[in-house]
Each structure stands twice: as C-alpha cells, then as structure tokens.
Amino acid sequence: MRLVEQARSIFAELGYTVEGTGPEFRAERAWKVVHVNTVLETDSLPSSSGEFHCFVAQPEDADDLETRLERVDPDYEWAIIVVDGEEYQVERAPPGPRVSA
C-alpha cells in the first residue's frame, strides 16, 4: 500500500484534489481529471475511459509497463511516474520531455 500512499502524495503536492482510497483513484485540478493507477503487477491494463491516465510504478516495473502500453496503444493519453524510495521521476508524459522532481 506504500506505493498508493506515495502516488496520492505526489498528486496532492502537484495541486490535485485526490478522490478514492484504493490502488486506482482520480486526481482533479481545474479542468483536468487524471485516472491514476498504481502498478504493483503489470498483468492487466485498465479499460476504463477517460482522457488522461497516469501509472505509478516501481523502477523494476516501468520498462515492461511502457512496452505494454505502447503495444496496446490505448485511446487515452498516458504517463508513467516511477517511484524509487522518496524520489519520483516522470518517465513518460506525452507530449513533451521527461521531467523529474
């Protein structure tokens, strides 16, 4: 559950209102709603609708997750945030360059 807490904290620090308590939750700021999924296993990708999805993963899961998302090519924009301890990095945030915090 630590990854879920970290994901919620990241979005709260970025100024989003976070709704939901499980491994999948909504983060909303102004006009933008992001469906957030914490990835403990990359066996299944969400089929839920929504324009923006963000996957929060541990370093060992990030490459496999990105490959799977590129292969599936979902109908929504997606990003991956990799959490390593207390640090995190946005590995993919289309369109645009990588950023870190």
PDB file of N, CA and C in Angstrom:
ATOM      1  N   MET A   1       0.814  -1.197   0.000  1.00  0.00           N
ATOM      2  CA  MET A   1       0.000   0.000   0.000  1.00  0.00           C
ATOM      3  C   MET A   1       0.862   1.267   0.000  1.00  0.00           C
ATOM      4  N   ARG A   2       2.138   1.103   0.235  1.00  0.00           N
ATOM      5  CA  ARG A   2       3.047   2.247   0.273  1.00  0.00           C
ATOM      6  C   ARG A   2       3.047   3.002  -1.059  1.00  0.00           C
ATOM      7  N   LEU A   3       3.013   2.279  -2.170  1.00  0.00           N
ATOM      8  CA  LEU A   3       3.019   2.913  -3.488  1.00  0.00           C
ATOM      9  C   LEU A   3       1.763   3.767  -3.674  1.00  0.00           C
ATOM     10  N   VAL A   4       0.633   3.289  -3.183  1.00  0.00           N
ATOM     11  CA  VAL A   4      -0.616   4.056  -3.282  1.00  0.00           C
ATOM     12  C   VAL A   4      -0.482   5.364  -2.501  1.00  0.00           C
ATOM     13  N   GLU A   5       0.048   5.288  -1.301  1.00  0.00           N
ATOM     14  CA  GLU A   5       0.229   6.487  -0.476  1.00  0.00           C
ATOM     15  C   GLU A   5       1.170   7.476  -1.155  1.00  0.00           C
ATOM     16  N   GLN A   6       2.232   6.973  -1.753  1.00  0.00           N
ATOM     17  CA  GLN A   6       3.181   7.845  -2.448  1.00  0.00           C
ATOM     18  C   GLN A   6       2.518   8.502  -3.656  1.00  0.00           C
ATOM     19  N   ALA A   7       1.740   7.744  -4.402  1.00  0.00           N
ATOM     20  CA  ALA A   7       1.057   8.291  -5.577  1.00  0.00           C
ATOM     21  C   ALA A   7       0.086   9.391  -5.164  1.00  0.00           C
ATOM     22  N   ARG A   8      -0.693   9.139  -4.128  1.00  0.00           N
ATOM     23  CA  ARG A   8      -1.631  10.151  -3.633  1.00  0.00           C
ATOM     24  C   ARG A   8      -0.885  11.410  -3.203  1.00  0.00           C
ATOM     25  N   SER A   9       0.236  11.241  -2.519  1.00  0.00           N
ATOM     26  CA  SER A   9       1.035  12.369  -2.049  1.00  0.00           C
ATOM     27  C   SER A   9       1.596  13.180  -3.216  1.00  0.00           C
ATOM     28  N   ILE A  10       2.086  12.516  -4.243  1.00  0.00           N
ATOM     29  CA  ILE A  10       2.637  13.203  -5.420  1.00  0.00           C
ATOM     30  C   ILE A  10       1.577  14.099  -6.044  1.00  0.00           C
ATOM     31  N   PHE A  11       0.396  13.552  -6.279  1.00  0.00           N
ATOM     32  CA  PHE A  11      -0.657  14.338  -6.926  1.00  0.00           C
ATOM     33  C   PHE A  11      -1.162  15.461  -6.024  1.00  0.00           C
ATOM     34  N   ALA A  12      -1.234  15.218  -4.725  1.00  0.00           N
ATOM     35  CA  ALA A  12      -1.638  16.276  -3.796  1.00  0.00           C
ATOM     36  C   ALA A  12      -0.620  17.413  -3.805  1.00  0.00           C
ATOM     37  N   GLU A  13       0.667  17.084  -3.815  1.00  0.00           N
ATOM     38  CA  GLU A  13       1.715  18.106  -3.856  1.00  0.00           C
ATOM     39  C   GLU A  13       1.677  18.909  -5.153  1.00  0.00           C
ATOM     40  N   LEU A  14       1.194  18.293  -6.222  1.00  0.00           N
ATOM     41  CA  LEU A  14       1.081  18.982  -7.509  1.00  0.00           C
ATOM     42  C   LEU A  14      -0.193  19.821  -7.612  1.00  0.00           C
ATOM     43  N   GLY A  15      -0.982  19.844  -6.531  1.00  0.00           N
ATOM     44  CA  GLY A  15      -2.177  20.690  -6.501  1.00  0.00           C
ATOM     45  C   GLY A  15      -3.452  20.025  -6.951  1.00  0.00           C
ATOM     46  N   TYR A  16      -3.441  18.707  -7.078  1.00  0.00           N
ATOM     47  CA  TYR A  16      -4.637  17.982  -7.480  1.00  0.00           C
ATOM     48  C   TYR A  16      -5.478  17.631  -6.259  1.00  0.00           C
ATOM     49  N   THR A  17      -6.787  17.579  -6.444  1.00  0.00           N
ATOM     50  CA  THR A  17      -7.688  17.028  -5.450  1.00  0.00           C
ATOM     51  C   THR A  17      -7.769  15.543  -5.728  1.00  0.00           C
ATOM     52  N   VAL A  18      -7.488  14.729  -4.723  1.00  0.00           N
ATOM     53  CA  VAL A  18      -7.424  13.286  -4.900  1.00  0.00           C
ATOM     54  C   VAL A  18      -8.692  12.655  -4.344  1.00  0.00           C
ATOM     55  N   GLU A  19      -9.338  11.804  -5.166  1.00  0.00           N
ATOM     56  CA  GLU A  19     -10.566  11.124  -4.766  1.00  0.00           C
ATOM     57  C   GLU A  19     -10.381   9.625  -4.894  1.00  0.00           C
ATOM     58  N   GLY A  20     -10.702   8.894  -3.826  1.00  0.00           N
ATOM     59  CA  GLY A  20     -10.571   7.445  -3.831  1.00  0.00           C
ATOM     60  C   GLY A  20      -9.432   7.018  -2.928  1.00  0.00           C
ATOM     61  N   THR A  21      -9.516   5.771  -2.448  1.00  0.00           N
ATOM     62  CA  THR A  21      -8.525   5.310  -1.485  1.00  0.00           C
ATOM     63  C   THR A  21      -7.765   4.080  -1.931  1.00  0.00           C
ATOM     64  N   GLY A  22      -8.167   3.467  -3.011  1.00  0.00           N
ATOM     65  CA  GLY A  22      -7.539   2.227  -3.445  1.00  0.00           C
ATOM     66  C   GLY A  22      -6.387   2.449  -4.398  1.00  0.00           C
ATOM     67  N   PRO A  23      -5.964   1.367  -5.049  1.00  0.00           N
ATOM     68  CA  PRO A  23      -4.851   1.453  -5.998  1.00  0.00           C
ATOM     69  C   PRO A  23      -5.211   2.197  -7.286  1.00  0.00           C
ATOM     70  N   GLU A  24      -6.497   2.475  -7.480  1.00  0.00           N
ATOM     71  CA  GLU A  24      -6.954   3.298  -8.596  1.00  0.00           C
ATOM     72  C   GLU A  24      -7.726   4.461  -8.007  1.00  0.00           C
ATOM     73  N   PHE A  25      -7.379   5.690  -8.416  1.00  0.00           N
ATOM     74  CA  PHE A  25      -8.078   6.862  -7.904  1.00  0.00           C
ATOM     75  C   PHE A  25      -8.086   7.965  -8.947  1.00  0.00           C
ATOM     76  N   ARG A  26      -8.872   9.012  -8.672  1.00  0.00           N
ATOM     77  CA  ARG A  26      -8.948  10.170  -9.561  1.00  0.00           C
ATOM     78  C   ARG A  26      -8.198  11.331  -8.946  1.00  0.00           C
ATOM     79  N   ALA A  27      -7.503  12.071  -9.781  1.00  0.00           N
ATOM     80  CA  ALA A  27      -6.842  13.305  -9.368  1.00  0.00           C
ATOM     81  C   ALA A  27      -7.370  14.409 -10.279  1.00  0.00           C
ATOM     82  N   GLU A  28      -7.881  15.481  -9.671  1.00  0.00           N
ATOM     83  CA  GLU A  28      -8.521  16.537 -10.451  1.00  0.00           C
ATOM     84  C   GLU A  28      -7.945  17.893 -10.082  1.00  0.00           C
ATOM     85  N   ARG A  29      -7.682  18.687 -11.112  1.00  0.00           N
ATOM     86  CA  ARG A  29      -7.199  20.054 -10.931  1.00  0.00           C
ATOM     87  C   ARG A  29      -7.749  20.889 -12.075  1.00  0.00           C
ATOM     88  N   ALA A  30      -8.467  21.947 -11.722  1.00  0.00           N
ATOM     89  CA  ALA A  30      -9.119  22.816 -12.702  1.00  0.00           C
ATOM     90  C   ALA A  30      -9.945  21.971 -13.662  1.00  0.00           C
ATOM     91  N   TRP A  31      -9.605  21.944 -14.918  1.00  0.00           N
ATOM     92  CA  TRP A  31     -10.374  21.232 -15.933  1.00  0.00           C
ATOM     93  C   TRP A  31      -9.881  19.813 -16.169  1.00  0.00           C
ATOM     94  N   LYS A  32      -8.781  19.428 -15.564  1.00  0.00           N
ATOM     95  CA  LYS A  32      -8.125  18.165 -15.902  1.00  0.00           C
ATOM     96  C   LYS A  32      -8.409  17.074 -14.862  1.00  0.00           C
ATOM     97  N   VAL A  33      -8.889  15.941 -15.340  1.00  0.00           N
ATOM     98  CA  VAL A  33      -9.099  14.770 -14.493  1.00  0.00           C
ATOM     99  C   VAL A  33      -8.149  13.678 -14.962  1.00  0.00           C
ATOM    100  N   VAL A  34      -7.342  13.176 -14.040  1.00  0.00           N
ATOM    101  CA  VAL A  34      -6.387  12.116 -14.346  1.00  0.00           C
ATOM    102  C   VAL A  34      -6.810  10.867 -13.584  1.00  0.00           C
ATOM    103  N   HIS A  35      -6.924   9.757 -14.293  1.00  0.00           N
ATOM    104  CA  HIS A  35      -7.203   8.468 -13.669  1.00  0.00           C
ATOM    105  C   HIS A  35      -5.847   7.848 -13.331  1.00  0.00           C
ATOM    106  N   VAL A  36      -5.597   7.656 -12.053  1.00  0.00           N
ATOM    107  CA  VAL A  36      -4.296   7.195 -11.582  1.00  0.00           C
ATOM    108  C   VAL A  36      -4.396   5.723 -11.194  1.00  0.00           C
ATOM    109  N   ASN A  37      -3.438   4.932 -11.670  1.00  0.00           N
ATOM    110  CA  ASN A  37      -3.362   3.510 -11.350  1.00  0.00           C
ATOM    111  C   ASN A  37      -1.983   3.226 -10.794  1.00  0.00           C
ATOM    112  N   THR A  38      -1.926   2.703  -9.578  1.00  0.00           N
ATOM    113  CA  THR A  38      -0.638   2.273  -9.055  1.00  0.00           C
ATOM    114  C   THR A  38      -0.399   0.860  -9.543  1.00  0.00           C
ATOM    115  N   VAL A  39       0.790   0.615 -10.022  1.00  0.00           N
ATOM    116  CA  VAL A  39       1.107  -0.649 -10.674  1.00  0.00           C
ATOM    117  C   VAL A  39       1.965  -1.487  -9.737  1.00  0.00           C
ATOM    118  N   LEU A  40       1.346  -2.501  -9.163  1.00  0.00           N
ATOM    119  CA  LEU A  40       2.102  -3.449  -8.360  1.00  0.00           C
ATOM    120  C   LEU A  40       2.403  -4.682  -9.194  1.00  0.00           C
ATOM    121  N   GLU A  41       1.529  -4.952 -10.145  1.00  0.00           N
ATOM    122  CA  GLU A  41       1.742  -6.009 -11.141  1.00  0.00           C
ATOM    123  C   GLU A  41       1.251  -5.441 -12.459  1.00  0.00           C
ATOM    124  N   THR A  42       1.936  -5.732 -13.531  1.00  0.00           N
ATOM    125  CA  THR A  42       1.568  -5.155 -14.827  1.00  0.00           C
ATOM    126  C   THR A  42       0.790  -6.142 -15.685  1.00  0.00           C
ATOM    127  N   ASP A  43       0.089  -7.090 -15.045  1.00  0.00           N
ATOM    128  CA  ASP A  43      -0.641  -8.101 -15.805  1.00  0.00           C
ATOM    129  C   ASP A  43      -1.823  -7.543 -16.587  1.00  0.00           C
ATOM    130  N   SER A  44      -2.520  -6.530 -16.051  1.00  0.00           N
ATOM    131  CA  SER A  44      -3.679  -6.016 -16.768  1.00  0.00           C
ATOM    132  C   SER A  44      -3.657  -4.498 -16.792  1.00  0.00           C
ATOM    133  N   LEU A  45      -4.073  -3.950 -17.902  1.00  0.00           N
ATOM    134  CA  LEU A  45      -4.166  -2.512 -18.057  1.00  0.00           C
ATOM    135  C   LEU A  45      -5.625  -2.112 -17.909  1.00  0.00           C
ATOM    136  N   PRO A  46      -5.896  -0.925 -17.376  1.00  0.00           N
ATOM    137  CA  PRO A  46      -7.289  -0.520 -17.201  1.00  0.00           C
ATOM    138  C   PRO A  46      -7.975  -0.315 -18.539  1.00  0.00           C
ATOM    139  N   SER A  47      -9.225  -0.679 -18.569  1.00  0.00           N
ATOM    140  CA  SER A  47     -10.012  -0.456 -19.780  1.00  0.00           C
ATOM    141  C   SER A  47     -10.973   0.704 -19.569  1.00  0.00           C
ATOM    142  N   SER A  48     -10.852   1.378 -18.426  1.00  0.00           N
ATOM    143  CA  SER A  48     -11.762   2.478 -18.122  1.00  0.00           C
ATOM    144  C   SER A  48     -11.546   3.644 -19.078  1.00  0.00           C
ATOM    145  N   SER A  49     -12.587   4.420 -19.218  1.00  0.00           N
ATOM    146  CA  SER A  49     -12.497   5.563 -20.107  1.00  0.00           C
ATOM    147  C   SER A  49     -11.865   6.738 -19.378  1.00  0.00           C
ATOM    148  N   GLY A  50     -11.666   7.793 -20.088  1.00  0.00           N
ATOM    149  CA  GLY A  50     -11.051   8.985 -19.533  1.00  0.00           C
ATOM    150  C   GLY A  50      -9.958   9.438 -20.472  1.00  0.00           C
ATOM    151  N   GLU A  51      -9.757  10.723 -20.519  1.00  0.00           N
ATOM    152  CA  GLU A  51      -8.791  11.271 -21.462  1.00  0.00           C
ATOM    153  C   GLU A  51      -7.347  11.084 -21.010  1.00  0.00           C
ATOM    154  N   PHE A  52      -7.124  11.143 -19.679  1.00  0.00           N
ATOM    155  CA  PHE A  52      -5.759  11.077 -19.152  1.00  0.00           C
ATOM    156  C   PHE A  52      -5.636   9.958 -18.114  1.00  0.00           C
ATOM    157  N   HIS A  53      -4.592   9.155 -18.257  1.00  0.00           N
ATOM    158  CA  HIS A  53      -4.282   8.101 -17.289  1.00  0.00           C
ATOM    159  C   HIS A  53      -2.822   8.228 -16.897  1.00  0.00           C
ATOM    160  N   CYS A  54      -2.559   8.024 -15.619  1.00  0.00           N
ATOM    161  CA  CYS A  54      -1.189   8.038 -15.139  1.00  0.00           C
ATOM    162  C   CYS A  54      -0.951   6.760 -14.353  1.00  0.00           C
ATOM    163  N   PHE A  55       0.130   6.092 -14.670  1.00  0.00           N
ATOM    164  CA  PHE A  55       0.500   4.856 -13.993  1.00  0.00           C
ATOM    165  C   PHE A  55       1.678   5.156 -13.085  1.00  0.00           C
ATOM    166  N   VAL A  56       1.564   4.756 -11.836  1.00  0.00           N
ATOM    167  CA  VAL A  56       2.636   4.969 -10.867  1.00  0.00           C
ATOM    168  C   VAL A  56       3.237   3.605 -10.577  1.00  0.00           C
ATOM    169  N   ALA A  57       4.536   3.471 -10.853  1.00  0.00           N
ATOM    170  CA  ALA A  57       5.177   2.160 -10.784  1.00  0.00           C
ATOM    171  C   ALA A  57       6.511   2.237 -10.055  1.00  0.00           C
ATOM    172  N   GLN A  58       6.976   1.088  -9.655  1.00  0.00           N
ATOM    173  CA  GLN A  58       8.315   0.968  -9.099  1.00  0.00           C
ATOM    174  C   GLN A  58       9.287   0.794 -10.259  1.00  0.00           C
ATOM    175  N   PRO A  59      10.572   1.118 -10.048  1.00  0.00           N
ATOM    176  CA  PRO A  59      11.543   1.076 -11.157  1.00  0.00           C
ATOM    177  C   PRO A  59      11.566  -0.252 -11.919  1.00  0.00           C
ATOM    178  N   GLU A  60      11.458  -1.369 -11.231  1.00  0.00           N
ATOM    179  CA  GLU A  60      11.543  -2.665 -11.907  1.00  0.00           C
ATOM    180  C   GLU A  60      10.336  -2.967 -12.802  1.00  0.00           C
ATOM    181  N   ASP A  61       9.243  -2.229 -12.651  1.00  0.00           N
ATOM    182  CA  ASP A  61       8.038  -2.463 -13.460  1.00  0.00           C
ATOM    183  C   ASP A  61       7.887  -1.487 -14.621  1.00  0.00           C
ATOM    184  N   ALA A  62       8.626  -0.398 -14.620  1.00  0.00           N
ATOM    185  CA  ALA A  62       8.389   0.698 -15.558  1.00  0.00           C
ATOM    186  C   ALA A  62       8.619   0.335 -17.021  1.00  0.00           C
ATOM    187  N   ASP A  63       9.723  -0.313 -17.344  1.00  0.00           N
ATOM    188  CA  ASP A  63      10.017  -0.628 -18.751  1.00  0.00           C
ATOM    189  C   ASP A  63       8.995  -1.568 -19.346  1.00  0.00           C
ATOM    190  N   ASP A  64       8.634  -2.614 -18.600  1.00  0.00           N
ATOM    191  CA  ASP A  64       7.632  -3.568 -19.077  1.00  0.00           C
ATOM    192  C   ASP A  64       6.281  -2.882 -19.274  1.00  0.00           C
ATOM    193  N   LEU A  65       5.919  -2.024 -18.337  1.00  0.00           N
ATOM    194  CA  LEU A  65       4.650  -1.298 -18.434  1.00  0.00           C
ATOM    195  C   LEU A  65       4.628  -0.406 -19.670  1.00  0.00           C
ATOM    196  N   GLU A  66       5.701   0.336 -19.895  1.00  0.00           N
ATOM    197  CA  GLU A  66       5.752   1.217 -21.060  1.00  0.00           C
ATOM    198  C   GLU A  66       5.657   0.417 -22.361  1.00  0.00           C
ATOM    199  N   THR A  67       6.344  -0.704 -22.442  1.00  0.00           N
ATOM    200  CA  THR A  67       6.283  -1.559 -23.627  1.00  0.00           C
ATOM    201  C   THR A  67       4.856  -2.044 -23.872  1.00  0.00           C
ATOM    202  N   ARG A  68       4.204  -2.493 -22.820  1.00  0.00           N
ATOM    203  CA  ARG A  68       2.837  -2.994 -22.949  1.00  0.00           C
ATOM    204  C   ARG A  68       1.878  -1.893 -23.384  1.00  0.00           C
ATOM    205  N   LEU A  69       2.019  -0.701 -22.818  1.00  0.00           N
ATOM    206  CA  LEU A  69       1.147   0.408 -23.196  1.00  0.00           C
ATOM    207  C   LEU A  69       1.375   0.808 -24.651  1.00  0.00           C
ATOM    208  N   GLU A  70       2.620   0.849 -25.086  1.00  0.00           N
ATOM    209  CA  GLU A  70       2.901   1.183 -26.482  1.00  0.00           C
ATOM    210  C   GLU A  70       2.323   0.140 -27.424  1.00  0.00           C
ATOM    211  N   ARG A  71       2.378  -1.127 -27.040  1.00  0.00           N
ATOM    212  CA  ARG A  71       1.844  -2.209 -27.865  1.00  0.00           C
ATOM    213  C   ARG A  71       0.321  -2.126 -27.970  1.00  0.00           C
ATOM    214  N   VAL A  72      -0.349  -1.866 -26.830  1.00  0.00           N
ATOM    215  CA  VAL A  72      -1.811  -1.795 -26.789  1.00  0.00           C
ATOM    216  C   VAL A  72      -2.322  -0.512 -27.440  1.00  0.00           C
ATOM    217  N   ASP A  73      -1.553   0.566 -27.312  1.00  0.00           N
ATOM    218  CA  ASP A  73      -1.912   1.871 -27.866  1.00  0.00           C
ATOM    219  C   ASP A  73      -3.339   2.268 -27.472  1.00  0.00           C
ATOM    220  N   PRO A  74      -3.581   2.504 -26.165  1.00  0.00           N
ATOM    221  CA  PRO A  74      -4.934   2.825 -25.700  1.00  0.00           C
ATOM    222  C   PRO A  74      -5.429   4.153 -26.257  1.00  0.00           C
ATOM    223  N   ASP A  75      -6.727   4.377 -26.126  1.00  0.00           N
ATOM    224  CA  ASP A  75      -7.364   5.577 -26.669  1.00  0.00           C
ATOM    225  C   ASP A  75      -7.190   6.812 -25.787  1.00  0.00           C
ATOM    226  N   TYR A  76      -6.417   6.714 -24.758  1.00  0.00           N
ATOM    227  CA  TYR A  76      -6.210   7.840 -23.854  1.00  0.00           C
ATOM    228  C   TYR A  76      -4.728   8.213 -23.804  1.00  0.00           C
ATOM    229  N   GLU A  77      -4.465   9.463 -23.400  1.00  0.00           N
ATOM    230  CA  GLU A  77      -3.081   9.875 -23.166  1.00  0.00           C
ATOM    231  C   GLU A  77      -2.639   9.267 -21.856  1.00  0.00           C
ATOM    232  N   TRP A  78      -1.390   8.831 -21.810  1.00  0.00           N
ATOM    233  CA  TRP A  78      -0.908   8.198 -20.586  1.00  0.00           C
ATOM    234  C   TRP A  78       0.498   8.658 -20.237  1.00  0.00           C
ATOM    235  N   ALA A  79       0.792   8.535 -18.952  1.00  0.00           N
ATOM    236  CA  ALA A  79       2.108   8.869 -18.430  1.00  0.00           C
ATOM    237  C   ALA A  79       2.485   7.809 -17.411  1.00  0.00           C
ATOM    238  N   ILE A  80       3.772   7.703 -17.151  1.00  0.00           N
ATOM    239  CA  ILE A  80       4.267   6.784 -16.126  1.00  0.00           C
ATOM    240  C   ILE A  80       5.137   7.586 -15.157  1.00  0.00           C
ATOM    241  N   ILE A  81       4.831   7.465 -13.874  1.00  0.00           N
ATOM    242  CA  ILE A  81       5.665   8.043 -12.828  1.00  0.00           C
ATOM    243  C   ILE A  81       6.336   6.880 -12.113  1.00  0.00           C
ATOM    244  N   VAL A  82       7.664   6.933 -12.028  1.00  0.00           N
ATOM    245  CA  VAL A  82       8.421   5.889 -11.344  1.00  0.00           C
ATOM    246  C   VAL A  82       8.812   6.402  -9.967  1.00  0.00           C
ATOM    247  N   VAL A  83       8.420   5.631  -8.948  1.00  0.00           N
ATOM    248  CA  VAL A  83       8.722   5.995  -7.565  1.00  0.00           C
ATOM    249  C   VAL A  83       9.840   5.092  -7.065  1.00  0.00           C
ATOM    250  N   ASP A  84      10.898   5.725  -6.575  1.00  0.00           N
ATOM    251  CA  ASP A  84      12.040   4.990  -6.039  1.00  0.00           C
ATOM    252  C   ASP A  84      12.357   5.579  -4.670  1.00  0.00           C
ATOM    253  N   GLY A  85      11.897   4.922  -3.635  1.00  0.00           N
ATOM    254  CA  GLY A  85      12.057   5.468  -2.291  1.00  0.00           C
ATOM    255  C   GLY A  85      11.191   6.698  -2.139  1.00  0.00           C
ATOM    256  N   GLU A  86      11.807   7.798  -1.730  1.00  0.00           N
ATOM    257  CA  GLU A  86      11.078   9.055  -1.568  1.00  0.00           C
ATOM    258  C   GLU A  86      11.143   9.924  -2.831  1.00  0.00           C
ATOM    259  N   GLU A  87      11.892   9.501  -3.822  1.00  0.00           N
ATOM    260  CA  GLU A  87      12.059  10.242  -5.074  1.00  0.00           C
ATOM    261  C   GLU A  87      11.111   9.706  -6.137  1.00  0.00           C
ATOM    262  N   TYR A  88      10.763  10.568  -7.092  1.00  0.00           N
ATOM    263  CA  TYR A  88       9.982  10.099  -8.233  1.00  0.00           C
ATOM    264  C   TYR A  88      10.432  10.826  -9.485  1.00  0.00           C
ATOM    265  N   GLN A  89      10.165  10.191 -10.611  1.00  0.00           N
ATOM    266  CA  GLN A  89      10.524  10.751 -11.904  1.00  0.00           C
ATOM    267  C   GLN A  89       9.433  10.410 -12.894  1.00  0.00           C
ATOM    268  N   VAL A  90       9.083  11.366 -13.735  1.00  0.00           N
ATOM    269  CA  VAL A  90       8.121  11.113 -14.800  1.00  0.00           C
ATOM    270  C   VAL A  90       8.897  10.493 -15.948  1.00  0.00           C
ATOM    271  N   GLU A  91       8.630   9.227 -16.233  1.00  0.00           N
ATOM    272  CA  GLU A  91       9.338   8.512 -17.289  1.00  0.00           C
ATOM    273  C   GLU A  91       8.752   8.780 -18.662  1.00  0.00           C
ATOM    274  N   ARG A  92       7.444   8.969 -18.709  1.00  0.00           N
ATOM    275  CA  ARG A  92       6.818   9.273 -19.988  1.00  0.00           C
ATOM    276  C   ARG A  92       5.620  10.151 -19.714  1.00  0.00           C
ATOM    277  N   ALA A  93       5.581  11.293 -20.342  1.00  0.00           N
ATOM    278  CA  ALA A  93       4.470  12.217 -20.183  1.00  0.00           C
ATOM    279  C   ALA A  93       4.211  12.882 -21.525  1.00  0.00           C
ATOM    280  N   PRO A  94       3.481  12.236 -22.405  1.00  0.00           N
ATOM    281  CA  PRO A  94       3.295  12.793 -23.739  1.00  0.00           C
ATOM    282  C   PRO A  94       2.423  14.030 -23.712  1.00  0.00           C
ATOM    283  N   PRO A  95       2.545  14.943 -24.594  1.00  0.00           N
ATOM    284  CA  PRO A  95       3.753  15.144 -25.382  1.00  0.00           C
ATOM    285  C   PRO A  95       4.715  16.035 -24.626  1.00  0.00           C
ATOM    286  N   GLY A  96       5.970  15.768 -24.715  1.00  0.00           N
ATOM    287  CA  GLY A  96       6.928  16.638 -24.067  1.00  0.00           C
ATOM    288  C   GLY A  96       8.110  15.858 -23.503  1.00  0.00           C
ATOM    289  N   PRO A  97       9.087  16.579 -22.979  1.00  0.00           N
ATOM    290  CA  PRO A  97      10.299  15.958 -22.471  1.00  0.00           C
ATOM    291  C   PRO A  97      10.081  15.358 -21.079  1.00  0.00           C
ATOM    292  N   ARG A  98      11.018  14.539 -20.665  1.00  0.00           N
ATOM    293  CA  ARG A  98      10.981  13.974 -19.325  1.00  0.00           C
ATOM    294  C   ARG A  98      11.268  15.049 -18.304  1.00  0.00           C
ATOM    295  N   VAL A  99      10.631  14.917 -17.148  1.00  0.00           N
ATOM    296  CA  VAL A  99      10.883  15.847 -16.051  1.00  0.00           C
ATOM    297  C   VAL A  99      11.104  15.035 -14.790  1.00  0.00           C
ATOM    298  N   SER A 100      11.742  15.635 -13.805  1.00  0.00           N
ATOM    299  CA  SER A 100      11.929  14.939 -12.537  1.00  0.00           C
ATOM    300  C   SER A 100      11.754  15.912 -11.395  1.00  0.00           C
ATOM    301  N   ALA A 101      11.517  15.351 -10.222  1.00  0.00           N
ATOM    302  CA  ALA A 101      11.334  16.198  -9.033  1.00  0.00           C
ATOM    303  C   ALA A 101      12.110  15.604  -7.876  1.00  0.00           C
TER     304      ALA A 101
END
